[in-house]
Amino acid sequence: MSANIKWQDIVALFNSLGAELIEREGSRIEVFLFHEVRVYHRPHPRPDTDKGAVASIREWLKNNEVLP
């Protein structure tokens, strides 16, 4: 699992899939996609997304038949 995926790249992917992103308190981002809501923490101070979030996002996409 890669640990150097930039959060902005994940946001770009969500946007390309038609997701609605809503800023929440703190560093939380609400993602509405596939008729589901998921909440992720925007990484800071570094731009890289942690492995756990990457794994969660990959599984969510895979379960909704979004494959690389």
PDB file of N, CA and C in Angstrom:
ATOM      1  N   MET A   1       0.857  -1.181   0.000  1.00  0.00           N
ATOM      2  CA  MET A   1       0.000   0.000   0.000  1.00  0.00           C
ATOM      3  C   MET A   1       0.895   1.233   0.000  1.00  0.00           C
ATOM      4  N   SER A   2       0.687   2.088  -0.958  1.00  0.00           N
ATOM      5  CA  SER A   2       1.481   3.309  -1.066  1.00  0.00           C
ATOM      6  C   SER A   2       1.103   4.294   0.036  1.00  0.00           C
ATOM      7  N   ALA A   3       2.120   4.946   0.568  1.00  0.00           N
ATOM      8  CA  ALA A   3       1.883   5.944   1.611  1.00  0.00           C
ATOM      9  C   ALA A   3       2.181   7.347   1.102  1.00  0.00           C
ATOM     10  N   ASN A   4       2.356   7.499  -0.189  1.00  0.00           N
ATOM     11  CA  ASN A   4       2.699   8.820  -0.709  1.00  0.00           C
ATOM     12  C   ASN A   4       1.669   9.340  -1.714  1.00  0.00           C
ATOM     13  N   ILE A   5       0.422   9.027  -1.474  1.00  0.00           N
ATOM     14  CA  ILE A   5      -0.652   9.536  -2.330  1.00  0.00           C
ATOM     15  C   ILE A   5      -1.106  10.872  -1.767  1.00  0.00           C
ATOM     16  N   LYS A   6      -1.042  11.885  -2.585  1.00  0.00           N
ATOM     17  CA  LYS A   6      -1.409  13.238  -2.164  1.00  0.00           C
ATOM     18  C   LYS A   6      -2.920  13.349  -2.010  1.00  0.00           C
ATOM     19  N   TRP A   7      -3.354  14.015  -0.954  1.00  0.00           N
ATOM     20  CA  TRP A   7      -4.777  14.210  -0.698  1.00  0.00           C
ATOM     21  C   TRP A   7      -5.438  14.903  -1.883  1.00  0.00           C
ATOM     22  N   GLN A   8      -4.759  15.883  -2.482  1.00  0.00           N
ATOM     23  CA  GLN A   8      -5.353  16.609  -3.610  1.00  0.00           C
ATOM     24  C   GLN A   8      -5.626  15.676  -4.786  1.00  0.00           C
ATOM     25  N   ASP A   9      -4.833  14.622  -4.946  1.00  0.00           N
ATOM     26  CA  ASP A   9      -5.094  13.641  -6.008  1.00  0.00           C
ATOM     27  C   ASP A   9      -6.343  12.819  -5.704  1.00  0.00           C
ATOM     28  N   ILE A  10      -6.553  12.499  -4.438  1.00  0.00           N
ATOM     29  CA  ILE A  10      -7.757  11.768  -4.045  1.00  0.00           C
ATOM     30  C   ILE A  10      -8.990  12.647  -4.245  1.00  0.00           C
ATOM     31  N   VAL A  11      -8.883  13.914  -3.883  1.00  0.00           N
ATOM     32  CA  VAL A  11      -9.990  14.853  -4.099  1.00  0.00           C
ATOM     33  C   VAL A  11     -10.308  14.952  -5.587  1.00  0.00           C
ATOM     34  N   ALA A  12      -9.274  15.009  -6.427  1.00  0.00           N
ATOM     35  CA  ALA A  12      -9.485  15.075  -7.879  1.00  0.00           C
ATOM     36  C   ALA A  12     -10.203  13.816  -8.373  1.00  0.00           C
ATOM     37  N   LEU A  13      -9.847  12.665  -7.833  1.00  0.00           N
ATOM     38  CA  LEU A  13     -10.520  11.418  -8.205  1.00  0.00           C
ATOM     39  C   LEU A  13     -11.983  11.461  -7.794  1.00  0.00           C
ATOM     40  N   PHE A  14     -12.242  11.863  -6.546  1.00  0.00           N
ATOM     41  CA  PHE A  14     -13.627  11.976  -6.091  1.00  0.00           C
ATOM     42  C   PHE A  14     -14.422  12.913  -6.998  1.00  0.00           C
ATOM     43  N   ASN A  15     -13.842  14.054  -7.329  1.00  0.00           N
ATOM     44  CA  ASN A  15     -14.528  15.019  -8.206  1.00  0.00           C
ATOM     45  C   ASN A  15     -14.806  14.422  -9.578  1.00  0.00           C
ATOM     46  N   SER A  16     -13.854  13.685 -10.121  1.00  0.00           N
ATOM     47  CA  SER A  16     -14.053  13.092 -11.449  1.00  0.00           C
ATOM     48  C   SER A  16     -15.158  12.037 -11.436  1.00  0.00           C
ATOM     49  N   LEU A  17     -15.414  11.447 -10.270  1.00  0.00           N
ATOM     50  CA  LEU A  17     -16.483  10.453 -10.139  1.00  0.00           C
ATOM     51  C   LEU A  17     -17.830  11.094  -9.815  1.00  0.00           C
ATOM     52  N   GLY A  18     -17.838  12.423  -9.662  1.00  0.00           N
ATOM     53  CA  GLY A  18     -19.084  13.132  -9.404  1.00  0.00           C
ATOM     54  C   GLY A  18     -19.450  13.254  -7.936  1.00  0.00           C
ATOM     55  N   ALA A  19     -18.479  13.094  -7.062  1.00  0.00           N
ATOM     56  CA  ALA A  19     -18.748  13.176  -5.622  1.00  0.00           C
ATOM     57  C   ALA A  19     -19.039  14.614  -5.205  1.00  0.00           C
ATOM     58  N   GLU A  20     -19.806  14.731  -4.130  1.00  0.00           N
ATOM     59  CA  GLU A  20     -20.024  16.025  -3.493  1.00  0.00           C
ATOM     60  C   GLU A  20     -19.151  16.037  -2.243  1.00  0.00           C
ATOM     61  N   LEU A  21     -18.279  17.028  -2.126  1.00  0.00           N
ATOM     62  CA  LEU A  21     -17.398  17.149  -0.973  1.00  0.00           C
ATOM     63  C   LEU A  21     -17.811  18.352  -0.152  1.00  0.00           C
ATOM     64  N   ILE A  22     -17.939  18.141   1.142  1.00  0.00           N
ATOM     65  CA  ILE A  22     -18.360  19.199   2.048  1.00  0.00           C
ATOM     66  C   ILE A  22     -17.337  19.312   3.170  1.00  0.00           C
ATOM     67  N   GLU A  23     -16.840  20.533   3.377  1.00  0.00           N
ATOM     68  CA  GLU A  23     -15.916  20.796   4.477  1.00  0.00           C
ATOM     69  C   GLU A  23     -16.684  20.697   5.787  1.00  0.00           C
ATOM     70  N   ARG A  24     -16.135  19.960   6.732  1.00  0.00           N
ATOM     71  CA  ARG A  24     -16.730  19.869   8.057  1.00  0.00           C
ATOM     72  C   ARG A  24     -15.755  20.444   9.063  1.00  0.00           C
ATOM     73  N   GLU A  25     -16.102  20.383  10.318  1.00  0.00           N
ATOM     74  CA  GLU A  25     -15.239  20.991  11.322  1.00  0.00           C
ATOM     75  C   GLU A  25     -13.880  20.302  11.375  1.00  0.00           C
ATOM     76  N   GLY A  26     -12.898  21.072  11.801  1.00  0.00           N
ATOM     77  CA  GLY A  26     -11.545  20.541  11.861  1.00  0.00           C
ATOM     78  C   GLY A  26     -11.025  20.247  10.470  1.00  0.00           C
ATOM     79  N   SER A  27     -10.411  19.124  10.313  1.00  0.00           N
ATOM     80  CA  SER A  27      -9.849  18.750   9.006  1.00  0.00           C
ATOM     81  C   SER A  27     -10.690  17.694   8.316  1.00  0.00           C
ATOM     82  N   ARG A  28     -11.950  17.577   8.722  1.00  0.00           N
ATOM     83  CA  ARG A  28     -12.810  16.543   8.149  1.00  0.00           C
ATOM     84  C   ARG A  28     -13.457  16.990   6.838  1.00  0.00           C
ATOM     85  N   ILE A  29     -13.561  16.028   5.934  1.00  0.00           N
ATOM     86  CA  ILE A  29     -14.217  16.231   4.648  1.00  0.00           C
ATOM     87  C   ILE A  29     -15.285  15.150   4.502  1.00  0.00           C
ATOM     88  N   GLU A  30     -16.507  15.573   4.239  1.00  0.00           N
ATOM     89  CA  GLU A  30     -17.603  14.635   4.001  1.00  0.00           C
ATOM     90  C   GLU A  30     -17.683  14.386   2.503  1.00  0.00           C
ATOM     91  N   VAL A  31     -17.704  13.117   2.129  1.00  0.00           N
ATOM     92  CA  VAL A  31     -17.751  12.730   0.719  1.00  0.00           C
ATOM     93  C   VAL A  31     -19.061  11.983   0.474  1.00  0.00           C
ATOM     94  N   PHE A  32     -19.884  12.522  -0.422  1.00  0.00           N
ATOM     95  CA  PHE A  32     -21.121  11.863  -0.808  1.00  0.00           C
ATOM     96  C   PHE A  32     -20.924  11.301  -2.204  1.00  0.00           C
ATOM     97  N   LEU A  33     -20.936   9.961  -2.286  1.00  0.00           N
ATOM     98  CA  LEU A  33     -20.689   9.263  -3.546  1.00  0.00           C
ATOM     99  C   LEU A  33     -21.314   7.883  -3.442  1.00  0.00           C
ATOM    100  N   PHE A  34     -21.837   7.367  -4.527  1.00  0.00           N
ATOM    101  CA  PHE A  34     -22.488   6.051  -4.565  1.00  0.00           C
ATOM    102  C   PHE A  34     -23.668   5.990  -3.593  1.00  0.00           C
ATOM    103  N   HIS A  35     -24.354   7.112  -3.402  1.00  0.00           N
ATOM    104  CA  HIS A  35     -25.488   7.202  -2.479  1.00  0.00           C
ATOM    105  C   HIS A  35     -25.081   6.885  -1.039  1.00  0.00           C
ATOM    106  N   GLU A  36     -23.826   7.135  -0.718  1.00  0.00           N
ATOM    107  CA  GLU A  36     -23.283   6.907   0.617  1.00  0.00           C
ATOM    108  C   GLU A  36     -22.516   8.150   1.056  1.00  0.00           C
ATOM    109  N   VAL A  37     -22.359   8.288   2.363  1.00  0.00           N
ATOM    110  CA  VAL A  37     -21.549   9.368   2.918  1.00  0.00           C
ATOM    111  C   VAL A  37     -20.385   8.746   3.675  1.00  0.00           C
ATOM    112  N   ARG A  38     -19.202   9.217   3.400  1.00  0.00           N
ATOM    113  CA  ARG A  38     -18.002   8.823   4.133  1.00  0.00           C
ATOM    114  C   ARG A  38     -17.332  10.101   4.607  1.00  0.00           C
ATOM    115  N   VAL A  39     -16.681  10.035   5.748  1.00  0.00           N
ATOM    116  CA  VAL A  39     -15.966  11.192   6.269  1.00  0.00           C
ATOM    117  C   VAL A  39     -14.494  10.819   6.391  1.00  0.00           C
ATOM    118  N   TYR A  40     -13.653  11.654   5.830  1.00  0.00           N
ATOM    119  CA  TYR A  40     -12.202  11.448   5.871  1.00  0.00           C
ATOM    120  C   TYR A  40     -11.540  12.671   6.478  1.00  0.00           C
ATOM    121  N   HIS A  41     -10.356  12.453   7.025  1.00  0.00           N
ATOM    122  CA  HIS A  41      -9.575  13.557   7.575  1.00  0.00           C
ATOM    123  C   HIS A  41      -8.545  13.984   6.548  1.00  0.00           C
ATOM    124  N   ARG A  42      -8.567  15.266   6.240  1.00  0.00           N
ATOM    125  CA  ARG A  42      -7.568  15.826   5.335  1.00  0.00           C
ATOM    126  C   ARG A  42      -6.224  15.794   6.086  1.00  0.00           C
ATOM    127  N   PRO A  43      -5.181  15.239   5.469  1.00  0.00           N
ATOM    128  CA  PRO A  43      -3.899  15.157   6.163  1.00  0.00           C
ATOM    129  C   PRO A  43      -3.277  16.539   6.352  1.00  0.00           C
ATOM    130  N   HIS A  44      -2.583  16.687   7.460  1.00  0.00           N
ATOM    131  CA  HIS A  44      -1.855  17.923   7.713  1.00  0.00           C
ATOM    132  C   HIS A  44      -0.790  17.630   8.753  1.00  0.00           C
ATOM    133  N   PRO A  45       0.313  18.251   8.809  1.00  0.00           N
ATOM    134  CA  PRO A  45       0.734  19.316   7.899  1.00  0.00           C
ATOM    135  C   PRO A  45       1.255  18.780   6.571  1.00  0.00           C
ATOM    136  N   ARG A  46       1.486  17.470   6.479  1.00  0.00           N
ATOM    137  CA  ARG A  46       1.996  16.897   5.234  1.00  0.00           C
ATOM    138  C   ARG A  46       0.827  16.610   4.288  1.00  0.00           C
ATOM    139  N   PRO A  47       1.081  16.647   2.984  1.00  0.00           N
ATOM    140  CA  PRO A  47      -0.008  16.435   2.008  1.00  0.00           C
ATOM    141  C   PRO A  47      -0.330  14.960   1.729  1.00  0.00           C
ATOM    142  N   ASP A  48       0.487  14.037   2.259  1.00  0.00           N
ATOM    143  CA  ASP A  48       0.298  12.616   1.960  1.00  0.00           C
ATOM    144  C   ASP A  48      -0.800  12.001   2.824  1.00  0.00           C
ATOM    145  N   THR A  49      -1.637  11.195   2.197  1.00  0.00           N
ATOM    146  CA  THR A  49      -2.740  10.516   2.867  1.00  0.00           C
ATOM    147  C   THR A  49      -2.207   9.259   3.545  1.00  0.00           C
ATOM    148  N   ASP A  50      -2.664   8.985   4.771  1.00  0.00           N
ATOM    149  CA  ASP A  50      -2.145   7.813   5.494  1.00  0.00           C
ATOM    150  C   ASP A  50      -2.653   6.515   4.869  1.00  0.00           C
ATOM    151  N   LYS A  51      -1.927   5.444   5.148  1.00  0.00           N
ATOM    152  CA  LYS A  51      -2.223   4.142   4.544  1.00  0.00           C
ATOM    153  C   LYS A  51      -3.626   3.634   4.870  1.00  0.00           C
ATOM    154  N   GLY A  52      -4.087   3.879   6.083  1.00  0.00           N
ATOM    155  CA  GLY A  52      -5.422   3.425   6.471  1.00  0.00           C
ATOM    156  C   GLY A  52      -6.513   4.071   5.635  1.00  0.00           C
ATOM    157  N   ALA A  53      -6.390   5.375   5.404  1.00  0.00           N
ATOM    158  CA  ALA A  53      -7.379   6.081   4.587  1.00  0.00           C
ATOM    159  C   ALA A  53      -7.314   5.606   3.141  1.00  0.00           C
ATOM    160  N   VAL A  54      -6.105   5.401   2.629  1.00  0.00           N
ATOM    161  CA  VAL A  54      -5.951   4.917   1.253  1.00  0.00           C
ATOM    162  C   VAL A  54      -6.605   3.550   1.109  1.00  0.00           C
ATOM    163  N   ALA A  55      -6.376   2.659   2.072  1.00  0.00           N
ATOM    164  CA  ALA A  55      -6.972   1.317   2.023  1.00  0.00           C
ATOM    165  C   ALA A  55      -8.494   1.407   2.068  1.00  0.00           C
ATOM    166  N   SER A  56      -9.021   2.264   2.928  1.00  0.00           N
ATOM    167  CA  SER A  56     -10.468   2.434   3.051  1.00  0.00           C
ATOM    168  C   SER A  56     -11.075   2.956   1.747  1.00  0.00           C
ATOM    169  N   ILE A  57     -10.446   3.947   1.156  1.00  0.00           N
ATOM    170  CA  ILE A  57     -10.945   4.522  -0.098  1.00  0.00           C
ATOM    171  C   ILE A  57     -10.886   3.490  -1.219  1.00  0.00           C
ATOM    172  N   ARG A  58      -9.781   2.761  -1.310  1.00  0.00           N
ATOM    173  CA  ARG A  58      -9.656   1.716  -2.344  1.00  0.00           C
ATOM    174  C   ARG A  58     -10.754   0.675  -2.209  1.00  0.00           C
ATOM    175  N   GLU A  59     -11.005   0.242  -0.998  1.00  0.00           N
ATOM    176  CA  GLU A  59     -12.038  -0.781  -0.771  1.00  0.00           C
ATOM    177  C   GLU A  59     -13.412  -0.236  -1.146  1.00  0.00           C
ATOM    178  N   TRP A  60     -13.696   0.994  -0.780  1.00  0.00           N
ATOM    179  CA  TRP A  60     -14.975   1.636  -1.110  1.00  0.00           C
ATOM    180  C   TRP A  60     -15.160   1.701  -2.618  1.00  0.00           C
ATOM    181  N   LEU A  61     -14.121   2.134  -3.326  1.00  0.00           N
ATOM    182  CA  LEU A  61     -14.193   2.210  -4.779  1.00  0.00           C
ATOM    183  C   LEU A  61     -14.369   0.821  -5.401  1.00  0.00           C
ATOM    184  N   LYS A  62     -13.592  -0.140  -4.910  1.00  0.00           N
ATOM    185  CA  LYS A  62     -13.688  -1.508  -5.423  1.00  0.00           C
ATOM    186  C   LYS A  62     -15.080  -2.086  -5.223  1.00  0.00           C
ATOM    187  N   ASN A  63     -15.654  -1.850  -4.046  1.00  0.00           N
ATOM    188  CA  ASN A  63     -16.998  -2.356  -3.764  1.00  0.00           C
ATOM    189  C   ASN A  63     -18.058  -1.733  -4.665  1.00  0.00           C
ATOM    190  N   ASN A  64     -17.730  -0.595  -5.258  1.00  0.00           N
ATOM    191  CA  ASN A  64     -18.652   0.071  -6.169  1.00  0.00           C
ATOM    192  C   ASN A  64     -18.176  -0.024  -7.623  1.00  0.00           C
ATOM    193  N   GLU A  65     -17.333  -1.038  -7.862  1.00  0.00           N
ATOM    194  CA  GLU A  65     -16.877  -1.403  -9.196  1.00  0.00           C
ATOM    195  C   GLU A  65     -16.093  -0.315  -9.908  1.00  0.00           C
ATOM    196  N   VAL A  66     -15.386   0.502  -9.141  1.00  0.00           N
ATOM    197  CA  VAL A  66     -14.457   1.476  -9.718  1.00  0.00           C
ATOM    198  C   VAL A  66     -13.078   0.854  -9.577  1.00  0.00           C
ATOM    199  N   LEU A  67     -12.534   0.406 -10.690  1.00  0.00           N
ATOM    200  CA  LEU A  67     -11.251  -0.295 -10.688  1.00  0.00           C
ATOM    201  C   LEU A  67     -10.226   0.496 -11.492  1.00  0.00           C
ATOM    202  N   PRO A  68      -8.932   0.332 -11.137  1.00  0.00           N
ATOM    203  CA  PRO A  68      -7.884   1.057 -11.883  1.00  0.00           C
ATOM    204  C   PRO A  68      -7.763   0.579 -13.318  1.00  0.00           C
TER     205      PRO A  68
END
